[in-house]
N, C-alpha and C. Protein backbone atom coordinates (compact mmCIF):
# COMPACT_ATOMS: atom_id res chain seq x y z
N UNK A 1 42.79 32.03 -14.24
CA UNK A 1 41.85 30.80 -14.80
C UNK A 1 40.33 30.97 -14.62
N UNK A 2 40.16 31.72 -13.39
CA UNK A 2 38.70 31.69 -13.64
C UNK A 2 38.37 32.67 -14.73
N UNK A 3 38.96 33.84 -14.47
CA UNK A 3 38.27 35.10 -15.42
C UNK A 3 38.31 34.66 -16.69
N UNK A 4 39.35 33.32 -17.81
CA UNK A 4 39.50 32.80 -18.76
C UNK A 4 38.41 32.43 -18.53
N UNK A 5 38.19 31.66 -17.85
CA UNK A 5 36.65 30.84 -17.89
C UNK A 5 35.58 31.69 -18.49
N UNK A 6 35.16 32.52 -17.36
CA UNK A 6 34.00 33.41 -17.63
C UNK A 6 34.53 34.23 -18.90
N UNK A 7 35.16 34.30 -19.35
CA UNK A 7 35.32 35.32 -20.93
C UNK A 7 34.78 33.78 -21.72
N UNK A 8 35.32 32.07 -21.59
CA UNK A 8 35.18 31.89 -22.90
C UNK A 8 33.67 31.08 -22.46
N UNK A 9 32.89 31.71 -21.68
CA UNK A 9 31.78 31.31 -21.61
C UNK A 9 30.59 32.39 -22.28
N UNK A 10 30.92 33.73 -21.67
CA UNK A 10 30.65 34.40 -22.73
C UNK A 10 30.52 34.59 -24.05
N UNK A 11 31.93 34.37 -24.11
CA UNK A 11 31.84 34.17 -25.89
C UNK A 11 30.63 32.92 -26.71
N UNK A 12 30.91 32.11 -25.97
CA UNK A 12 30.62 30.91 -26.04
C UNK A 12 28.51 31.39 -26.44
N UNK A 13 28.14 31.97 -25.54
CA UNK A 13 26.81 32.77 -25.07
C UNK A 13 26.86 33.31 -26.67
N UNK A 14 27.49 34.47 -26.77
CA UNK A 14 27.47 35.49 -27.67
C UNK A 14 27.49 34.73 -28.95
N UNK A 15 28.03 33.49 -29.75
CA UNK A 15 28.61 32.78 -30.64
C UNK A 15 26.95 32.50 -30.73
N UNK A 16 26.55 31.73 -29.74
CA UNK A 16 24.74 30.79 -29.87
C UNK A 16 23.81 31.71 -30.61
N UNK A 17 24.10 32.90 -29.43
CA UNK A 17 23.10 34.02 -29.86
C UNK A 17 22.88 34.67 -31.47
N UNK A 18 24.29 34.73 -31.53
CA UNK A 18 24.88 35.26 -33.27
C UNK A 18 24.38 34.41 -34.42
N UNK A 19 24.61 32.95 -34.29
CA UNK A 19 23.86 32.14 -35.06
C UNK A 19 23.04 31.18 -34.92
N UNK A 20 21.72 31.72 -33.93
CA UNK A 20 20.61 31.08 -33.68
C UNK A 20 19.81 30.86 -34.56
N UNK A 21 18.73 30.51 -35.01
CA UNK A 21 17.95 29.77 -36.34
C UNK A 21 17.05 31.17 -35.62
N UNK A 22 16.91 31.55 -36.68
CA UNK A 22 16.05 33.22 -36.46
C UNK A 22 14.10 32.41 -37.09
N UNK A 23 13.26 32.52 -36.01
CA UNK A 23 11.92 31.72 -36.11
C UNK A 23 11.37 32.98 -36.22
N UNK A 24 10.35 32.20 -37.58
CA UNK A 24 9.09 33.47 -38.54
C UNK A 24 7.88 32.38 -38.38
N UNK A 25 7.40 33.14 -37.32
CA UNK A 25 6.05 33.45 -36.87
C UNK A 25 5.13 33.52 -37.99
N UNK A 26 5.25 34.47 -38.85
CA UNK A 26 4.17 34.86 -39.67
C UNK A 26 3.55 33.54 -40.67
N UNK A 27 1.98 33.06 -40.04
CA UNK A 27 0.82 32.21 -40.35
C UNK A 27 0.91 31.30 -39.66
N UNK A 28 1.54 31.38 -38.56
CA UNK A 28 1.38 30.15 -37.53
C UNK A 28 0.56 30.38 -36.58
N UNK A 29 0.26 29.74 -36.20
CA UNK A 29 -1.51 29.75 -34.40
C UNK A 29 0.00 29.15 -33.43
N UNK A 30 0.55 29.15 -33.35
CA UNK A 30 1.47 27.81 -32.23
C UNK A 30 3.20 27.77 -32.45
N UNK A 31 3.26 27.40 -31.43
CA UNK A 31 4.90 27.48 -31.64
C UNK A 31 6.02 26.49 -30.40
N UNK A 32 6.79 26.07 -29.88
CA UNK A 32 7.15 25.27 -28.40
C UNK A 32 8.74 26.34 -28.66
N UNK A 33 8.88 27.17 -27.60
CA UNK A 33 9.88 27.34 -26.96
C UNK A 33 10.18 26.70 -25.74
N UNK A 34 11.70 26.64 -25.47
CA UNK A 34 12.40 26.09 -23.59
C UNK A 34 11.44 26.73 -23.14
N UNK A 35 10.92 25.97 -21.83
CA UNK A 35 10.67 27.08 -20.63
C UNK A 35 11.88 27.23 -19.47
N UNK A 36 11.75 28.30 -18.92
CA UNK A 36 12.06 28.54 -17.99
C UNK A 36 13.21 27.51 -17.27
N UNK A 37 14.17 27.92 -16.40
CA UNK A 37 15.22 26.66 -15.66
C UNK A 37 14.78 27.50 -14.36
N UNK A 38 14.68 26.65 -13.39
CA UNK A 38 14.67 27.38 -12.08
C UNK A 38 15.57 28.50 -11.38
N UNK A 39 15.10 29.52 -11.22
CA UNK A 39 15.74 30.93 -10.87
C UNK A 39 15.86 31.40 -12.07
N UNK A 40 15.49 31.19 -12.64
CA UNK A 40 15.65 32.28 -14.04
C UNK A 40 14.70 33.19 -14.47
N UNK A 41 14.74 33.88 -14.61
CA UNK A 41 13.56 35.39 -15.42
C UNK A 41 13.29 35.68 -16.56
N UNK A 42 12.31 35.73 -17.16
CA UNK A 42 12.63 36.38 -18.91
C UNK A 42 13.06 37.12 -19.20
N UNK A 43 13.72 37.75 -20.28
CA UNK A 43 14.44 39.11 -20.27
C UNK A 43 14.25 39.00 -22.38
N UNK A 44 14.51 39.68 -22.48
CA UNK A 44 14.15 40.30 -24.15
C UNK A 44 15.37 40.99 -24.34
N UNK A 45 15.71 41.40 -25.88
CA UNK A 45 16.31 42.54 -26.84
C UNK A 45 15.56 42.07 -27.92
N UNK A 46 15.28 43.97 -28.54
CA UNK A 46 14.94 44.41 -29.37
C UNK A 46 15.76 45.17 -30.23
N UNK A 47 16.34 44.51 -31.29
CA UNK A 47 16.94 44.37 -32.33
C UNK A 47 17.01 45.00 -33.76
N UNK A 48 17.38 45.99 -34.20
CA UNK A 48 17.04 46.28 -35.48
C UNK A 48 17.95 45.89 -36.30
N UNK A 49 17.16 45.27 -37.66
CA UNK A 49 17.80 44.99 -38.46
C UNK A 49 17.50 45.68 -40.18
N UNK A 50 18.16 44.49 -40.84
CA UNK A 50 17.94 44.76 -42.29
C UNK A 50 16.02 45.45 -42.55
N UNK A 51 15.78 44.15 -41.85
CA UNK A 51 14.16 43.40 -42.25
C UNK A 51 13.27 43.74 -41.29
N UNK A 52 13.68 45.31 -39.74
CA UNK A 52 12.74 45.84 -39.29
C UNK A 52 13.34 44.93 -38.33
N UNK A 53 12.35 44.83 -36.78
CA UNK A 53 13.19 44.39 -35.66
C UNK A 53 13.52 43.09 -35.22
N UNK A 54 14.08 42.16 -34.87
CA UNK A 54 14.35 40.88 -34.48
C UNK A 54 13.95 41.01 -32.52
N UNK A 55 13.49 39.94 -32.02
CA UNK A 55 13.06 39.65 -31.01
C UNK A 55 13.69 38.85 -30.21
N UNK A 56 14.73 39.00 -29.37
CA UNK A 56 15.50 37.89 -28.57
C UNK A 56 14.93 37.94 -27.11
N UNK A 57 14.00 36.45 -27.41
CA UNK A 57 13.90 36.32 -26.10
C UNK A 57 14.84 34.93 -24.85
N UNK A 58 14.85 35.52 -23.98
CA UNK A 58 16.02 34.92 -23.03
C UNK A 58 15.64 34.53 -21.83
N UNK A 59 16.03 33.35 -21.26
CA UNK A 59 16.31 33.56 -20.07
C UNK A 59 17.49 34.09 -19.47
N UNK A 60 16.93 34.55 -18.00
CA UNK A 60 17.97 35.47 -17.47
C UNK A 60 18.08 34.87 -15.92
N UNK A 61 19.63 34.33 -15.37
CA UNK A 61 20.23 34.11 -14.06
C UNK A 61 21.66 34.95 -13.84
N UNK A 62 21.13 35.89 -12.69
CA UNK A 62 22.19 36.81 -12.73
C UNK A 62 23.07 37.51 -13.69
N UNK A 63 24.14 37.47 -14.39
CA UNK A 63 24.85 38.11 -15.71
C UNK A 63 24.61 36.88 -16.91
N UNK A 64 23.89 36.03 -16.63
CA UNK A 64 23.79 35.29 -17.35
C UNK A 64 22.79 35.13 -18.52
N UNK A 65 22.89 34.96 -19.91
CA UNK A 65 21.29 34.52 -20.42
C UNK A 65 21.49 33.77 -21.42
N UNK A 66 20.84 32.60 -21.44
CA UNK A 66 20.67 31.62 -22.41
C UNK A 66 19.49 32.26 -22.96
N UNK A 67 19.61 31.76 -24.50
CA UNK A 67 18.78 32.08 -25.78
C UNK A 67 17.38 31.31 -25.82
N UNK A 68 16.21 31.57 -25.77
CA UNK A 68 15.20 30.85 -26.10
C UNK A 68 14.89 30.78 -27.21
N UNK A 69 14.60 31.66 -28.15
CA UNK A 69 13.98 32.46 -29.41
C UNK A 69 14.53 33.08 -29.92
N UNK A 70 14.53 33.13 -31.26
CA UNK A 70 14.97 34.34 -31.83
C UNK A 70 14.33 34.76 -33.24
N UNK A 71 13.13 36.31 -32.99
CA UNK A 71 12.21 36.10 -34.02
C UNK A 71 12.15 37.03 -35.07
N UNK A 72 12.00 37.23 -36.37
CA UNK A 72 12.14 38.12 -37.17
C UNK A 72 10.43 38.77 -37.63
N UNK A 73 10.79 39.68 -37.34
CA UNK A 73 9.34 40.65 -38.17
C UNK A 73 8.36 41.14 -37.26
N UNK A 74 9.58 41.14 -36.08
CA UNK A 74 9.15 41.63 -34.89
C UNK A 74 8.79 43.21 -34.92
N UNK A 75 7.54 43.69 -34.18
CA UNK A 75 6.93 44.60 -34.44
C UNK A 75 7.46 45.89 -33.71
N UNK A 76 8.04 45.56 -32.33
CA UNK A 76 8.81 46.48 -31.52
C UNK A 76 7.84 46.17 -30.33
N UNK A 77 6.52 45.85 -30.38
CA UNK A 77 5.78 46.15 -29.14
C UNK A 77 5.74 44.86 -28.69
N UNK A 78 5.73 44.78 -27.76
CA UNK A 78 6.20 43.56 -26.46
C UNK A 78 5.94 44.05 -24.66
N UNK A 79 5.92 43.04 -24.04
CA UNK A 79 5.23 43.20 -22.29
C UNK A 79 5.13 41.72 -21.66
N UNK A 80 6.19 42.14 -20.95
CA UNK A 80 6.82 41.15 -19.97
C UNK A 80 5.37 41.30 -18.46
N UNK A 81 4.53 40.01 -18.48
CA UNK A 81 3.47 40.50 -17.23
C UNK A 81 4.30 38.80 -16.44
N UNK A 82 3.32 39.59 -15.09
CA UNK A 82 3.66 38.33 -13.73
C UNK A 82 3.28 37.04 -14.31
N UNK A 83 3.49 36.53 -13.70
CA UNK A 83 3.87 34.58 -13.96
C UNK A 83 4.50 34.50 -14.92
N UNK A 84 5.98 35.46 -15.58
CA UNK A 84 6.83 34.75 -16.50
C UNK A 84 5.46 34.63 -17.97
N UNK A 85 4.39 35.31 -18.29
CA UNK A 85 4.10 36.05 -19.72
C UNK A 85 4.29 36.76 -20.33
N UNK A 86 4.54 36.55 -21.78
CA UNK A 86 4.70 37.76 -22.69
C UNK A 86 4.03 37.26 -23.70
N UNK A 87 3.99 39.08 -23.91
CA UNK A 87 3.24 39.27 -25.31
C UNK A 87 3.72 40.38 -25.86
N UNK A 88 3.71 39.79 -27.23
CA UNK A 88 4.49 40.38 -28.36
C UNK A 88 3.84 40.16 -30.13
N UNK A 89 3.88 41.40 -30.51
CA UNK A 89 3.55 41.05 -31.67
C UNK A 89 4.57 40.96 -32.92
N UNK A 90 3.80 40.14 -34.23
CA UNK A 90 4.56 40.43 -35.51
C UNK A 90 4.44 41.01 -36.49
N UNK A 91 4.79 41.98 -37.35
CA UNK A 91 4.50 42.56 -37.88
C UNK A 91 4.20 41.81 -39.41
N UNK A 92 3.10 41.19 -40.43
CA UNK A 92 2.75 40.56 -41.08
C UNK A 92 3.01 40.99 -42.24
N UNK A 93 3.58 42.35 -42.53
CA UNK A 93 3.37 43.39 -43.87
C UNK A 93 3.79 42.56 -45.34
N UNK A 94 4.53 41.92 -45.51
CA UNK A 94 5.00 41.24 -46.09
C UNK A 94 4.59 39.54 -46.67
N UNK A 95 3.41 39.92 -46.12
CA UNK A 95 2.24 38.57 -46.48
C UNK A 95 1.39 38.86 -46.41
N UNK A 96 0.47 38.03 -46.97
CA UNK A 96 -0.92 37.92 -46.82
C UNK A 96 -1.68 37.78 -45.79
N UNK A 97 -1.37 37.12 -44.82
CA UNK A 97 -1.83 36.78 -43.19
C UNK A 97 -1.89 38.99 -42.20
N UNK A 98 -2.73 38.49 -41.45
CA UNK A 98 -2.56 39.53 -40.69
C UNK A 98 -1.79 39.86 -39.63
N UNK A 99 -1.63 41.12 -39.49
CA UNK A 99 -0.18 41.19 -38.43
C UNK A 99 -0.86 40.76 -37.07
N UNK A 100 -0.15 40.01 -35.95
CA UNK A 100 -0.56 39.35 -35.14
C UNK A 100 0.04 39.40 -33.67
N UNK A 101 -0.43 39.21 -32.51
CA UNK A 101 -0.62 39.42 -31.45
C UNK A 101 -0.12 37.87 -30.66
N UNK A 102 1.17 37.52 -30.27
CA UNK A 102 1.62 36.20 -29.67
C UNK A 102 1.43 35.62 -28.32
N UNK A 103 1.31 35.14 -27.65
CA UNK A 103 1.00 34.53 -25.79
C UNK A 103 2.42 33.81 -25.47
N UNK A 104 3.14 34.31 -25.08
CA UNK A 104 4.34 32.98 -24.69
C UNK A 104 4.65 33.04 -23.34
N UNK A 105 4.11 31.51 -23.06
CA UNK A 105 3.93 30.85 -21.26
C UNK A 105 5.64 30.45 -20.99
N UNK A 106 5.94 31.16 -20.15
CA UNK A 106 7.48 30.21 -19.89
C UNK A 106 7.80 29.67 -19.29
N UNK A 107 6.41 29.16 -18.56
CA UNK A 107 6.27 27.74 -17.97
C UNK A 107 6.34 26.68 -18.49
N UNK A 108 5.50 26.88 -19.87
CA UNK A 108 5.04 25.88 -20.50
C UNK A 108 6.15 25.42 -21.78
N UNK A 109 6.49 26.78 -22.12
CA UNK A 109 6.83 26.49 -23.66
C UNK A 109 6.28 26.88 -24.62
N UNK A 110 4.66 27.10 -24.56
CA UNK A 110 3.50 27.17 -25.41
C UNK A 110 3.73 28.81 -25.63
N UNK A 111 4.05 29.09 -27.45
CA UNK A 111 3.58 30.32 -28.17
C UNK A 111 2.31 29.90 -28.58
N UNK A 112 1.60 31.27 -28.73
CA UNK A 112 -0.47 31.08 -29.34
C UNK A 112 -0.48 32.29 -29.84
N UNK A 113 -0.93 31.92 -31.30
CA UNK A 113 -1.76 33.23 -31.23
C UNK A 113 -2.60 33.53 -30.57
N UNK A 114 -3.17 34.54 -30.39
CA UNK A 114 -4.25 35.27 -29.70
C UNK A 114 -5.24 36.07 -30.15
N UNK A 115 -4.46 37.53 -31.18
CA UNK A 115 -5.38 38.13 -31.48
C UNK A 115 -4.35 38.65 -33.37
N UNK A 116 -5.85 38.77 -34.00
CA UNK A 116 -5.02 39.87 -35.43
C UNK A 116 -4.88 41.32 -34.60
N UNK A 117 -3.34 41.28 -34.55
CA UNK A 117 -3.01 42.91 -33.92
C UNK A 117 -2.15 43.15 -34.52
N UNK A 118 -1.55 44.62 -34.22
CA UNK A 118 -0.15 44.96 -33.91
C UNK A 118 0.05 45.95 -32.55
N UNK A 119 0.06 46.84 -32.77
CA UNK A 119 -0.07 47.99 -31.71
C UNK A 119 -1.02 47.20 -30.57
N UNK A 120 -0.28 46.89 -28.96
CA UNK A 120 -1.30 47.21 -27.86
C UNK A 120 -0.51 46.86 -27.23
N UNK A 121 -0.94 47.42 -25.48
CA UNK A 121 -0.46 46.96 -24.07
C UNK A 121 -1.60 46.16 -23.28
N UNK A 122 -0.83 45.73 -22.55
CA UNK A 122 -1.58 44.65 -21.33
C UNK A 122 -1.38 44.95 -20.06
N UNK A 123 -2.10 44.63 -19.23
CA UNK A 123 -2.29 44.79 -17.85
C UNK A 123 -0.97 43.86 -17.29
N UNK A 124 -0.52 44.45 -16.41
CA UNK A 124 0.22 43.81 -15.60
C UNK A 124 0.16 42.08 -15.17
N UNK A 125 -1.15 41.88 -14.88
CA UNK A 125 -1.72 40.38 -14.62
C UNK A 125 -2.03 39.78 -15.70
N UNK A 126 -1.56 39.85 -17.10
CA UNK A 126 -1.66 39.74 -18.55
C UNK A 126 -3.43 39.63 -18.84
N UNK A 127 -4.39 39.73 -18.01
CA UNK A 127 -5.97 39.43 -18.29
C UNK A 127 -6.01 39.97 -19.56
N UNK A 128 -5.89 41.25 -19.53
CA UNK A 128 -6.53 42.07 -19.96
C UNK A 128 -5.44 43.23 -21.31
N UNK A 129 -5.90 42.91 -22.62
CA UNK A 129 -5.46 43.31 -23.24
C UNK A 129 -5.46 43.98 -24.33
N UNK A 130 -5.15 45.52 -24.36
CA UNK A 130 -5.72 46.67 -25.49
C UNK A 130 -4.75 46.50 -26.84
N UNK A 131 -5.81 46.42 -27.96
CA UNK A 131 -5.21 46.42 -29.22
C UNK A 131 -6.01 47.44 -30.22
N UNK A 132 -5.35 47.57 -31.33
CA UNK A 132 -5.71 48.40 -32.48
C UNK A 132 -5.73 47.39 -33.98
N UNK A 133 -7.17 47.15 -34.66
CA UNK A 133 -7.06 46.16 -35.59
C UNK A 133 -5.22 46.78 -35.99
N UNK A 134 -4.96 45.91 -36.91
CA UNK A 134 -3.79 46.01 -37.70
C UNK A 134 -4.74 47.16 -39.87
N UNK A 135 -3.37 47.04 -40.32
CA UNK A 135 -3.63 47.63 -41.30
C UNK A 135 -4.73 47.13 -42.32
N UNK A 136 -4.06 45.35 -42.05
CA UNK A 136 -5.29 45.02 -43.51
C UNK A 136 -6.40 45.02 -42.70
N UNK A 137 -6.63 44.57 -41.88
CA UNK A 137 -8.22 44.80 -41.61
C UNK A 137 -9.02 46.40 -42.38
N UNK A 138 -8.45 47.26 -41.83
CA UNK A 138 -8.79 48.39 -41.28
C UNK A 138 -8.93 48.32 -43.19
N UNK A 139 -8.27 48.08 -44.30
CA UNK A 139 -8.35 48.54 -45.74
C UNK A 139 -9.11 47.30 -45.99
N UNK A 140 -9.23 46.61 -45.72
CA UNK A 140 -10.22 45.28 -46.00
C UNK A 140 -11.91 45.79 -45.54
N UNK A 141 -12.22 46.02 -44.58
CA UNK A 141 -13.34 46.55 -43.96
C UNK A 141 -13.58 48.12 -44.54
N UNK A 142 -12.65 48.56 -45.22
CA UNK A 142 -12.85 50.11 -45.63
C UNK A 142 -13.06 51.30 -43.79
N UNK A 143 -12.10 51.08 -43.20
CA UNK A 143 -12.71 52.22 -41.89
C UNK A 143 -11.43 52.89 -42.13
N UNK A 144 -12.48 54.40 -42.05
CA UNK A 144 -11.94 55.41 -42.19
C UNK A 144 -10.86 55.88 -40.71
N UNK A 145 -11.24 54.90 -39.85
CA UNK A 145 -9.44 54.73 -38.39
C UNK A 145 -9.90 53.58 -38.49
N UNK A 146 -8.77 53.21 -37.68
CA UNK A 146 -8.64 51.29 -36.80
C UNK A 146 -9.03 51.70 -35.40
N UNK A 147 -9.71 50.25 -35.34
CA UNK A 147 -10.72 50.43 -34.28
C UNK A 147 -9.73 49.32 -33.32
N UNK A 148 -10.43 50.31 -32.43
CA UNK A 148 -9.47 49.71 -30.65
C UNK A 148 -10.48 48.92 -29.84
N UNK A 149 -9.78 47.72 -29.24
CA UNK A 149 -10.60 47.25 -28.31
C UNK A 149 -9.76 46.83 -27.40
N UNK A 150 -10.47 46.42 -25.94
CA UNK A 150 -10.02 45.78 -25.01
C UNK A 150 -10.55 44.24 -24.88
N UNK A 151 -9.60 43.25 -24.67
CA UNK A 151 -10.16 41.84 -24.98
C UNK A 151 -9.93 41.18 -23.27
N UNK A 152 -10.34 40.26 -22.79
CA UNK A 152 -10.51 39.73 -21.87
C UNK A 152 -9.60 37.98 -21.72
N UNK A 153 -8.42 38.30 -21.86
CA UNK A 153 -8.02 36.91 -21.70
C UNK A 153 -8.48 35.57 -21.34
N UNK A 154 -9.20 35.58 -20.24
CA UNK A 154 -10.09 34.62 -19.61
C UNK A 154 -11.63 34.25 -19.94
N UNK A 155 -12.05 35.39 -20.13
CA UNK A 155 -13.60 35.38 -20.42
C UNK A 155 -13.87 35.24 -22.28
N UNK A 156 -12.20 35.51 -22.89
CA UNK A 156 -12.13 35.44 -24.43
C UNK A 156 -13.76 36.63 -24.41
N UNK A 157 -14.04 37.50 -24.03
CA UNK A 157 -14.77 38.57 -24.38
C UNK A 157 -14.06 39.54 -24.78
N UNK A 158 -14.88 40.79 -25.69
CA UNK A 158 -13.91 41.91 -26.24
C UNK A 158 -14.54 42.98 -26.70
N UNK A 159 -14.21 44.46 -26.23
CA UNK A 159 -15.41 44.83 -26.24
C UNK A 159 -14.47 46.30 -27.17
N UNK A 160 -15.59 47.08 -28.14
CA UNK A 160 -15.17 48.24 -28.82
C UNK A 160 -14.83 49.20 -28.12
N UNK A 161 -13.72 50.05 -28.24
CA UNK A 161 -13.16 51.61 -27.19
C UNK A 161 -13.49 52.82 -28.09
N UNK A 162 -13.08 52.16 -29.28
CA UNK A 162 -13.26 53.89 -30.02
C UNK A 162 -13.36 53.21 -31.74
N UNK A 163 -14.15 53.11 -32.02
CA UNK A 163 -14.55 53.17 -33.43
C UNK A 163 -14.74 54.25 -34.57
N UNK A 164 -14.44 55.81 -34.53
CA UNK A 164 -14.47 56.69 -35.16
C UNK A 164 -13.37 58.05 -35.03
N UNK A 165 -13.33 58.28 -35.89
CA UNK A 165 -12.83 59.28 -35.51
C UNK A 165 -12.35 60.83 -34.65
N UNK A 166 -11.07 61.02 -34.27
CA UNK A 166 -11.16 62.27 -32.77
C UNK A 166 -12.06 63.81 -33.57
N UNK A 167 -12.16 64.40 -32.32
CA UNK A 167 -12.47 65.86 -33.06
C UNK A 167 -10.82 66.19 -34.23
N UNK A 168 -11.42 67.20 -34.79
CA UNK A 168 -9.94 67.99 -35.77
C UNK A 168 -9.14 66.88 -36.22
N UNK A 169 -10.05 65.57 -36.24
CA UNK A 169 -8.90 64.92 -37.03
C UNK A 169 -7.33 64.16 -36.12
N UNK A 170 -7.78 64.22 -34.75
CA UNK A 170 -6.54 64.40 -33.93
C UNK A 170 -5.82 62.55 -34.53
N UNK A 171 -4.35 62.45 -33.90
CA UNK A 171 -3.86 61.35 -34.08
C UNK A 171 -4.32 60.74 -32.55
N UNK A 172 -4.67 59.25 -32.61
CA UNK A 172 -4.96 57.88 -31.66
C UNK A 172 -3.55 57.32 -31.24
N UNK A 173 -2.83 57.77 -30.11
CA UNK A 173 -1.65 57.07 -30.14
C UNK A 173 -1.85 56.07 -28.37
N UNK A 174 -1.62 54.64 -28.74
CA UNK A 174 -2.20 53.85 -26.99
C UNK A 174 -0.82 54.34 -26.58
N UNK A 175 -0.99 54.70 -25.47
CA UNK A 175 0.56 55.12 -24.49
C UNK A 175 1.14 54.03 -23.74
N UNK A 176 0.00 53.35 -22.98
CA UNK A 176 0.84 52.24 -21.94
C UNK A 176 -0.58 51.96 -21.33
N UNK A 177 -0.43 50.71 -19.97
CA UNK A 177 -1.46 50.96 -18.92
C UNK A 177 -0.81 51.37 -17.77
N UNK A 178 -1.42 51.98 -17.12
CA UNK A 178 -1.10 53.01 -16.37
C UNK A 178 -1.81 51.78 -14.84
N UNK A 179 -0.97 51.51 -14.11
CA UNK A 179 -0.92 51.30 -13.31
C UNK A 179 -2.22 51.85 -12.06
N UNK A 180 -1.46 52.67 -11.58
CA UNK A 180 -1.85 53.62 -10.63
C UNK A 180 -3.49 53.67 -10.48
N UNK A 181 -3.94 53.68 -12.06
CA UNK A 181 -5.40 54.38 -12.44
C UNK A 181 -6.07 52.65 -13.36
N UNK A 182 -5.78 51.70 -12.95
CA UNK A 182 -6.28 50.28 -13.81
C UNK A 182 -6.23 50.90 -15.50
N UNK A 183 -6.16 51.22 -15.66
CA UNK A 183 -6.18 52.11 -17.23
C UNK A 183 -5.51 52.03 -18.34
N UNK A 184 -5.91 51.65 -19.46
CA UNK A 184 -5.07 51.86 -20.63
C UNK A 184 -5.30 53.41 -21.14
N UNK A 185 -4.08 53.55 -21.10
CA UNK A 185 -4.00 55.64 -21.78
C UNK A 185 -3.64 55.84 -23.04
N UNK A 186 -4.41 56.54 -23.15
CA UNK A 186 -4.45 57.42 -24.92
C UNK A 186 -4.26 58.59 -25.16
N UNK A 187 -3.20 58.79 -26.11
CA UNK A 187 -2.76 60.01 -25.96
C UNK A 187 -3.48 60.98 -27.35
N UNK A 188 -3.79 62.00 -27.10
CA UNK A 188 -4.27 62.22 -28.18
C UNK A 188 -3.47 63.82 -28.98
N UNK A 189 -3.66 64.00 -30.50
CA UNK A 189 -2.93 65.34 -30.61
C UNK A 189 -2.51 64.92 -32.41
N UNK A 190 -1.45 65.52 -32.60
CA UNK A 190 -0.90 65.93 -33.99
C UNK A 190 0.49 65.89 -33.84
N UNK A 191 1.28 65.02 -34.29
CA UNK A 191 2.18 64.53 -34.53
C UNK A 191 3.33 64.64 -33.03
N UNK A 192 3.96 65.51 -32.89
CA UNK A 192 4.39 65.16 -31.05
C UNK A 192 3.97 65.74 -29.65
N UNK A 193 2.69 66.31 -30.52
CA UNK A 193 1.94 67.28 -29.55
C UNK A 193 0.75 66.53 -28.99
N UNK A 194 0.53 66.33 -27.70
CA UNK A 194 -0.39 66.16 -27.17
C UNK A 194 -1.21 66.55 -26.81
N UNK A 195 -2.55 66.75 -26.77
CA UNK A 195 -3.62 67.73 -26.31
C UNK A 195 -4.71 67.39 -25.60
N UNK A 196 -4.67 65.81 -25.72
CA UNK A 196 -5.81 65.32 -24.87
C UNK A 196 -5.12 63.71 -24.36
N UNK A 197 -5.59 63.28 -23.42
CA UNK A 197 -5.10 61.73 -23.32
C UNK A 197 -7.11 61.54 -22.94
N UNK A 198 -6.86 60.07 -23.11
CA UNK A 198 -8.55 59.24 -22.81
C UNK A 198 -7.79 58.15 -22.34
N UNK A 199 -8.50 57.82 -21.17
CA UNK A 199 -8.95 56.30 -20.42
C UNK A 199 -9.69 55.67 -20.79
N UNK A 200 -9.03 54.15 -20.04
CA UNK A 200 -10.88 52.88 -20.00
C UNK A 200 -9.69 52.07 -19.21
N UNK A 201 -10.72 52.00 -18.17
CA UNK A 201 -10.33 50.81 -17.39
C UNK A 201 -10.66 49.54 -17.63
N UNK A 202 -9.69 49.21 -17.84
CA UNK A 202 -10.60 47.29 -18.54
C UNK A 202 -11.59 46.39 -17.08
N UNK A 203 -10.94 46.62 -16.36
CA UNK A 203 -11.96 45.85 -14.82
C UNK A 203 -13.00 46.49 -14.42
N UNK A 204 -13.28 47.59 -15.02
CA UNK A 204 -15.16 48.06 -15.22
C UNK A 204 -15.17 48.17 -16.65
N UNK A 205 -14.94 47.89 -17.43
CA UNK A 205 -15.80 48.10 -18.89
C UNK A 205 -15.82 46.33 -18.97
N UNK A 206 -15.31 45.22 -18.85
CA UNK A 206 -15.44 43.91 -19.21
C UNK A 206 -15.48 43.04 -17.37
N UNK A 207 -16.86 42.62 -17.53
CA UNK A 207 -17.04 42.18 -16.52
C UNK A 207 -16.31 40.31 -15.50
């Protein structure tokens, strides 16, 4: 009997996720989601669709998942930081709006747009975000390469860290935030070949 009940609950959860309303954040500066319940932690699924990725955010406890929101036009870039802070970006390639990075605070339920950007990484404490300009800004301002920035969520200040081509026109890829060195790591090279890495410590660059 208990096993049948668990299967039925799992089926209901699957149905709620399948038929959940898909949220379009394009052009929005804020949105509201449910907050996490006691003992829940934040989780996510990156789901491929015919329209690119979809992001499903959920609260999880043991083996149970509770869907909080399902977002279309998800870029694929997401990071969960301490205190259940989530950063993710939305690819606005189909609209006149810039691609954007959003912050979801699972304690308050608030989602706010924080930056015009797409590719990004964040420090584990959520204070600093390293991001590159979306192609729309690069095209509008006629940059040869997109500019890369480090942004301080506490002081609202930012610093340009890359604003020119690299030697030999190497490609620039933001790898991740490295906790051991407290630095954002970039890989330089071409195709899948990494020829050089550079790093930026936001705790030293920004006061």
